[in-house]
Amino acid sequence: MILSAAGLLREYGASATSIDRVLAHSGAPRGSVYHHFPGGRTQLIDEAVALAGDFITGLIDAAMQADDPVEAVDTFFALWRDRLVESGFRAGCPIVAVAVETNDDAPQLARSAAAVFARWQEALAALLLRHGLTDERSRRLGAFIIAAVEGAVIMCRAEQSTAPLEAAAAEIHDLLVHALRRRDETAPRT
């Protein structure tokens, strides 16, 4: 049910991810919902956000194993491009789906989305810090990369094209090459 909820969030958004839709998608019996999710739909969506966040964190962590931080970030953009194309531009980010909707009756969903975004930013910042950028610059760039990817994914879905993601990837690539080259040029010589 959690996998189904995450998949439905990616394609339809949070407001359209109902218990009935999750049951139909997953094939689970109705009685299992309240047995496994006593908090109902809110708990199910919150757990789907956590699962999706962990999955993307795993993809980021795998990409971050590259020796070259520019290659790692390029790989991250390529992963999103592949997901968009494979889904016919239907699948976006389930975390964004939750973050952009007003959840007055379940404010914890926005907090959960914010926590996932923070984990992704921290992973990117750690990579850049490992490669010699300052803590402040690494954090800013980590946030910027996540914002660029997420914004580009939204635009790609609207335009039914990878062009926005390709443009964001190229600009981020050039920005990182410049930042890392500048770091090398200003490093003290021994």
C-alpha atoms as a PDB file:
ATOM      1  CA  MET A   1       0.000   0.000   0.000  1.00  0.00           C
ATOM      2  CA  ILE A   2       2.882   2.369   0.768  1.00  0.00           C
ATOM      3  CA  LEU A   3       4.486   1.684  -2.628  1.00  0.00           C
ATOM      4  CA  SER A   4       1.158   2.244  -4.331  1.00  0.00           C
ATOM      5  CA  ALA A   5       0.615   5.482  -2.424  1.00  0.00           C
ATOM      6  CA  ALA A   6       4.086   6.735  -3.398  1.00  0.00           C
ATOM      7  CA  GLY A   7       3.459   5.878  -7.046  1.00  0.00           C
ATOM      8  CA  LEU A   8       0.084   7.592  -6.999  1.00  0.00           C
ATOM      9  CA  LEU A   9       1.596  10.676  -5.362  1.00  0.00           C
ATOM     10  CA  ARG A  10       4.153  10.870  -8.181  1.00  0.00           C
ATOM     11  CA  GLU A  11       1.482  10.789 -10.869  1.00  0.00           C
ATOM     12  CA  TYR A  12      -1.627  12.337  -9.359  1.00  0.00           C
ATOM     13  CA  GLY A  13      -0.601  14.415  -6.346  1.00  0.00           C
ATOM     14  CA  ALA A  14      -1.605  14.216  -2.714  1.00  0.00           C
ATOM     15  CA  SER A  15      -5.241  15.295  -2.952  1.00  0.00           C
ATOM     16  CA  ALA A  16      -5.961  12.618  -5.574  1.00  0.00           C
ATOM     17  CA  THR A  17      -4.255   9.875  -3.560  1.00  0.00           C
ATOM     18  CA  SER A  18      -7.250   8.542  -1.695  1.00  0.00           C
ATOM     19  CA  ILE A  19      -7.589   5.334   0.302  1.00  0.00           C
ATOM     20  CA  ASP A  20      -9.894   3.955  -2.403  1.00  0.00           C
ATOM     21  CA  ARG A  21      -7.349   4.709  -5.123  1.00  0.00           C
ATOM     22  CA  VAL A  22      -4.520   3.129  -3.107  1.00  0.00           C
ATOM     23  CA  LEU A  23      -6.626   0.007  -2.510  1.00  0.00           C
ATOM     24  CA  ALA A  24      -7.504  -0.266  -6.192  1.00  0.00           C
ATOM     25  CA  HIS A  25      -3.866   0.229  -7.226  1.00  0.00           C
ATOM     26  CA  SER A  26      -2.382  -2.122  -4.632  1.00  0.00           C
ATOM     27  CA  GLY A  27      -5.102  -4.781  -4.583  1.00  0.00           C
ATOM     28  CA  ALA A  28      -5.024  -4.754  -0.766  1.00  0.00           C
ATOM     29  CA  PRO A  29      -8.212  -5.522   1.157  1.00  0.00           C
ATOM     30  CA  ARG A  30     -10.000  -2.543   2.708  1.00  0.00           C
ATOM     31  CA  GLY A  31      -9.687  -3.914   6.249  1.00  0.00           C
ATOM     32  CA  SER A  32      -5.897  -3.865   6.043  1.00  0.00           C
ATOM     33  CA  VAL A  33      -5.778  -0.081   5.722  1.00  0.00           C
ATOM     34  CA  TYR A  34      -6.875   0.708   9.253  1.00  0.00           C
ATOM     35  CA  HIS A  35      -5.055  -2.300  10.640  1.00  0.00           C
ATOM     36  CA  HIS A  36      -1.698  -1.133   9.242  1.00  0.00           C
ATOM     37  CA  PHE A  37      -2.461   2.594   9.181  1.00  0.00           C
ATOM     38  CA  PRO A  38      -4.560   3.504  12.221  1.00  0.00           C
ATOM     39  CA  GLY A  39      -3.876   7.149  11.363  1.00  0.00           C
ATOM     40  CA  GLY A  40      -5.716   6.619   8.085  1.00  0.00           C
ATOM     41  CA  ARG A  41      -4.873   8.428   4.857  1.00  0.00           C
ATOM     42  CA  THR A  42      -2.566  10.934   6.537  1.00  0.00           C
ATOM     43  CA  GLN A  43      -0.405   8.184   8.022  1.00  0.00           C
ATOM     44  CA  LEU A  44      -0.349   6.303   4.719  1.00  0.00           C
ATOM     45  CA  ILE A  45       0.753   9.400   2.781  1.00  0.00           C
ATOM     46  CA  ASP A  46       3.300  10.311   5.446  1.00  0.00           C
ATOM     47  CA  GLU A  47       4.825   6.828   5.218  1.00  0.00           C
ATOM     48  CA  ALA A  48       4.781   7.009   1.411  1.00  0.00           C
ATOM     49  CA  VAL A  49       6.693  10.315   1.622  1.00  0.00           C
ATOM     50  CA  ALA A  50       9.254   8.691   3.913  1.00  0.00           C
ATOM     51  CA  LEU A  51       9.628   5.693   1.600  1.00  0.00           C
ATOM     52  CA  ALA A  52       9.974   7.851  -1.514  1.00  0.00           C
ATOM     53  CA  GLY A  53      12.409  10.117   0.317  1.00  0.00           C
ATOM     54  CA  ASP A  54      14.525   7.134   1.321  1.00  0.00           C
ATOM     55  CA  PHE A  55      14.463   5.799  -2.226  1.00  0.00           C
ATOM     56  CA  ILE A  56      15.653   9.080  -3.756  1.00  0.00           C
ATOM     57  CA  THR A  57      18.190   9.484  -0.937  1.00  0.00           C
ATOM     58  CA  GLY A  58      19.555   6.083  -1.960  1.00  0.00           C
ATOM     59  CA  LEU A  59      19.826   7.266  -5.570  1.00  0.00           C
ATOM     60  CA  ILE A  60      21.604  10.433  -4.422  1.00  0.00           C
ATOM     61  CA  ASP A  61      23.938   8.426  -2.197  1.00  0.00           C
ATOM     62  CA  ALA A  62      24.765   6.081  -5.093  1.00  0.00           C
ATOM     63  CA  ALA A  63      25.458   9.011  -7.411  1.00  0.00           C
ATOM     64  CA  MET A  64      27.584  10.665  -4.726  1.00  0.00           C
ATOM     65  CA  GLN A  65      29.996   7.726  -4.740  1.00  0.00           C
ATOM     66  CA  ALA A  66      31.565   9.147  -7.899  1.00  0.00           C
ATOM     67  CA  ASP A  67      35.016  10.621  -7.422  1.00  0.00           C
ATOM     68  CA  ASP A  68      33.966  13.628  -9.454  1.00  0.00           C
ATOM     69  CA  PRO A  69      31.207  15.747  -7.853  1.00  0.00           C
ATOM     70  CA  VAL A  70      30.234  17.188 -11.236  1.00  0.00           C
ATOM     71  CA  GLU A  71      29.726  13.665 -12.582  1.00  0.00           C
ATOM     72  CA  ALA A  72      27.685  12.786  -9.491  1.00  0.00           C
ATOM     73  CA  VAL A  73      25.327  15.716  -9.987  1.00  0.00           C
ATOM     74  CA  ASP A  74      25.118  15.025 -13.735  1.00  0.00           C
ATOM     75  CA  THR A  75      24.080  11.464 -12.833  1.00  0.00           C
ATOM     76  CA  PHE A  76      21.398  12.783 -10.476  1.00  0.00           C
ATOM     77  CA  PHE A  77      19.915  14.899 -13.271  1.00  0.00           C
ATOM     78  CA  ALA A  78      20.113  11.928 -15.661  1.00  0.00           C
ATOM     79  CA  LEU A  79      18.171   9.777 -13.178  1.00  0.00           C
ATOM     80  CA  TRP A  80      15.331  12.294 -13.177  1.00  0.00           C
ATOM     81  CA  ARG A  81      15.425  12.613 -16.969  1.00  0.00           C
ATOM     82  CA  ASP A  82      15.111   8.826 -17.268  1.00  0.00           C
ATOM     83  CA  ARG A  83      12.198   8.718 -14.802  1.00  0.00           C
ATOM     84  CA  LEU A  84      10.350  11.418 -16.719  1.00  0.00           C
ATOM     85  CA  VAL A  85      10.843   9.833 -20.126  1.00  0.00           C
ATOM     86  CA  GLU A  86      10.040   6.293 -18.935  1.00  0.00           C
ATOM     87  CA  SER A  87       6.763   7.511 -17.437  1.00  0.00           C
ATOM     88  CA  GLY A  88       5.763   9.582 -20.456  1.00  0.00           C
ATOM     89  CA  PHE A  89       6.176  12.700 -18.293  1.00  0.00           C
ATOM     90  CA  ARG A  90       3.498  11.492 -15.878  1.00  0.00           C
ATOM     91  CA  ALA A  91       5.710  10.761 -12.871  1.00  0.00           C
ATOM     92  CA  GLY A  92       7.108  13.640 -10.911  1.00  0.00           C
ATOM     93  CA  CYS A  93       8.407  13.836  -7.390  1.00  0.00           C
ATOM     94  CA  PRO A  94       6.049  12.549  -4.687  1.00  0.00           C
ATOM     95  CA  ILE A  95       7.682  14.866  -2.159  1.00  0.00           C
ATOM     96  CA  VAL A  96       6.812  17.910  -4.269  1.00  0.00           C
ATOM     97  CA  ALA A  97       3.281  16.553  -4.649  1.00  0.00           C
ATOM     98  CA  VAL A  98       2.855  16.702  -0.889  1.00  0.00           C
ATOM     99  CA  ALA A  99       4.786  19.942  -0.368  1.00  0.00           C
ATOM    100  CA  VAL A 100       2.770  22.050  -2.826  1.00  0.00           C
ATOM    101  CA  GLU A 101      -0.655  21.196  -1.475  1.00  0.00           C
ATOM    102  CA  THR A 102      -2.262  22.915   1.475  1.00  0.00           C
ATOM    103  CA  ASN A 103      -2.514  20.399   4.279  1.00  0.00           C
ATOM    104  CA  ASP A 104      -4.281  22.338   6.995  1.00  0.00           C
ATOM    105  CA  ASP A 105      -5.717  19.117   8.403  1.00  0.00           C
ATOM    106  CA  ALA A 106      -2.332  17.339   8.265  1.00  0.00           C
ATOM    107  CA  PRO A 107       0.516  19.859   8.702  1.00  0.00           C
ATOM    108  CA  GLN A 108       2.924  17.018   9.474  1.00  0.00           C
ATOM    109  CA  LEU A 109       2.937  16.157   5.755  1.00  0.00           C
ATOM    110  CA  ALA A 110       4.608  19.483   4.910  1.00  0.00           C
ATOM    111  CA  ARG A 111       7.095  18.910   7.728  1.00  0.00           C
ATOM    112  CA  SER A 112       7.845  15.435   6.393  1.00  0.00           C
ATOM    113  CA  ALA A 113       8.423  16.835   2.886  1.00  0.00           C
ATOM    114  CA  ALA A 114      10.703  19.544   4.305  1.00  0.00           C
ATOM    115  CA  ALA A 115      12.714  16.912   6.197  1.00  0.00           C
ATOM    116  CA  VAL A 116      13.198  14.878   3.011  1.00  0.00           C
ATOM    117  CA  PHE A 117      14.348  17.932   1.054  1.00  0.00           C
ATOM    118  CA  ALA A 118      16.768  18.754   3.891  1.00  0.00           C
ATOM    119  CA  ARG A 119      18.258  15.220   3.749  1.00  0.00           C
ATOM    120  CA  TRP A 120      18.800  15.525   0.009  1.00  0.00           C
ATOM    121  CA  GLN A 121      20.424  18.928   0.390  1.00  0.00           C
ATOM    122  CA  GLU A 122      22.683  17.642   3.167  1.00  0.00           C
ATOM    123  CA  ALA A 123      23.834  14.721   1.006  1.00  0.00           C
ATOM    124  CA  LEU A 124      24.766  17.069  -1.825  1.00  0.00           C
ATOM    125  CA  ALA A 125      26.397  19.543   0.556  1.00  0.00           C
ATOM    126  CA  ALA A 126      28.494  16.747   2.087  1.00  0.00           C
ATOM    127  CA  LEU A 127      29.710  15.745  -1.375  1.00  0.00           C
ATOM    128  CA  LEU A 128      30.728  19.302  -2.255  1.00  0.00           C
ATOM    129  CA  LEU A 129      32.340  19.825   1.137  1.00  0.00           C
ATOM    130  CA  ARG A 130      34.378  16.639   0.616  1.00  0.00           C
ATOM    131  CA  HIS A 131      35.655  18.151  -2.600  1.00  0.00           C
ATOM    132  CA  GLY A 132      36.921  21.324  -1.013  1.00  0.00           C
ATOM    133  CA  LEU A 133      34.118  23.846  -1.137  1.00  0.00           C
ATOM    134  CA  THR A 134      33.348  25.753   2.028  1.00  0.00           C
ATOM    135  CA  ASP A 135      30.546  24.606   4.290  1.00  0.00           C
ATOM    136  CA  GLU A 136      28.433  27.653   3.438  1.00  0.00           C
ATOM    137  CA  ARG A 137      28.940  27.317  -0.324  1.00  0.00           C
ATOM    138  CA  SER A 138      28.289  23.568  -0.183  1.00  0.00           C
ATOM    139  CA  ARG A 139      24.997  24.099   1.648  1.00  0.00           C
ATOM    140  CA  ARG A 140      23.861  26.839  -0.721  1.00  0.00           C
ATOM    141  CA  LEU A 141      24.710  24.761  -3.777  1.00  0.00           C
ATOM    142  CA  GLY A 142      23.017  21.677  -2.301  1.00  0.00           C
ATOM    143  CA  ALA A 143      19.805  23.672  -1.846  1.00  0.00           C
ATOM    144  CA  PHE A 144      20.144  25.221  -5.295  1.00  0.00           C
ATOM    145  CA  ILE A 145      20.638  21.865  -6.998  1.00  0.00           C
ATOM    146  CA  ILE A 146      17.546  20.382  -5.358  1.00  0.00           C
ATOM    147  CA  ALA A 147      15.510  23.488  -6.206  1.00  0.00           C
ATOM    148  CA  ALA A 148      16.731  23.381  -9.822  1.00  0.00           C
ATOM    149  CA  VAL A 149      15.972  19.675 -10.252  1.00  0.00           C
ATOM    150  CA  GLU A 150      12.528  19.878  -8.677  1.00  0.00           C
ATOM    151  CA  GLY A 151      11.555  23.002 -10.585  1.00  0.00           C
ATOM    152  CA  ALA A 152      12.819  21.526 -13.843  1.00  0.00           C
ATOM    153  CA  VAL A 153      10.893  18.267 -13.261  1.00  0.00           C
ATOM    154  CA  ILE A 154       7.686  20.261 -12.795  1.00  0.00           C
ATOM    155  CA  MET A 155       8.352  22.227 -15.971  1.00  0.00           C
ATOM    156  CA  CYS A 156       9.171  19.048 -17.913  1.00  0.00           C
ATOM    157  CA  ARG A 157       5.856  17.522 -16.946  1.00  0.00           C
ATOM    158  CA  ALA A 158       3.990  20.648 -18.018  1.00  0.00           C
ATOM    159  CA  GLU A 159       5.867  20.948 -21.320  1.00  0.00           C
ATOM    160  CA  GLN A 160       6.098  17.189 -22.009  1.00  0.00           C
ATOM    161  CA  SER A 161       9.765  17.760 -22.788  1.00  0.00           C
ATOM    162  CA  THR A 162      13.131  17.207 -21.128  1.00  0.00           C
ATOM    163  CA  ALA A 163      14.315  20.636 -22.290  1.00  0.00           C
ATOM    164  CA  PRO A 164      13.898  22.379 -18.897  1.00  0.00           C
ATOM    165  CA  LEU A 165      15.809  19.591 -17.129  1.00  0.00           C
ATOM    166  CA  GLU A 166      18.536  19.604 -19.781  1.00  0.00           C
ATOM    167  CA  ALA A 167      18.907  23.380 -19.413  1.00  0.00           C
ATOM    168  CA  ALA A 168      19.066  23.184 -15.611  1.00  0.00           C
ATOM    169  CA  ALA A 169      21.551  20.290 -15.778  1.00  0.00           C
ATOM    170  CA  ALA A 170      23.830  22.212 -18.169  1.00  0.00           C
ATOM    171  CA  GLU A 171      23.799  25.346 -15.999  1.00  0.00           C
ATOM    172  CA  ILE A 172      24.423  23.411 -12.788  1.00  0.00           C
ATOM    173  CA  HIS A 173      27.228  21.490 -14.530  1.00  0.00           C
ATOM    174  CA  ASP A 174      28.923  24.728 -15.610  1.00  0.00           C
ATOM    175  CA  LEU A 175      28.389  26.305 -12.189  1.00  0.00           C
ATOM    176  CA  LEU A 176      30.007  23.353 -10.414  1.00  0.00           C
ATOM    177  CA  VAL A 177      32.932  23.215 -12.858  1.00  0.00           C
ATOM    178  CA  HIS A 178      33.521  26.919 -12.235  1.00  0.00           C
ATOM    179  CA  ALA A 179      33.148  26.642  -8.445  1.00  0.00           C
ATOM    180  CA  LEU A 180      35.542  23.698  -8.240  1.00  0.00           C
ATOM    181  CA  ARG A 181      38.065  25.309 -10.613  1.00  0.00           C
ATOM    182  CA  ARG A 182      37.937  28.523  -8.587  1.00  0.00           C
ATOM    183  CA  ARG A 183      38.514  26.468  -5.436  1.00  0.00           C
ATOM    184  CA  ASP A 184      41.614  24.964  -7.052  1.00  0.00           C
ATOM    185  CA  GLU A 185      42.876  28.385  -8.173  1.00  0.00           C
ATOM    186  CA  THR A 186      42.502  29.919  -4.698  1.00  0.00           C
ATOM    187  CA  ALA A 187      43.916  26.944  -2.770  1.00  0.00           C
ATOM    188  CA  PRO A 188      47.197  27.713  -1.027  1.00  0.00           C
ATOM    189  CA  ARG A 189      50.239  26.329  -2.841  1.00  0.00           C
ATOM    190  CA  THR A 190      52.618  24.139  -0.878  1.00  0.00           C
END
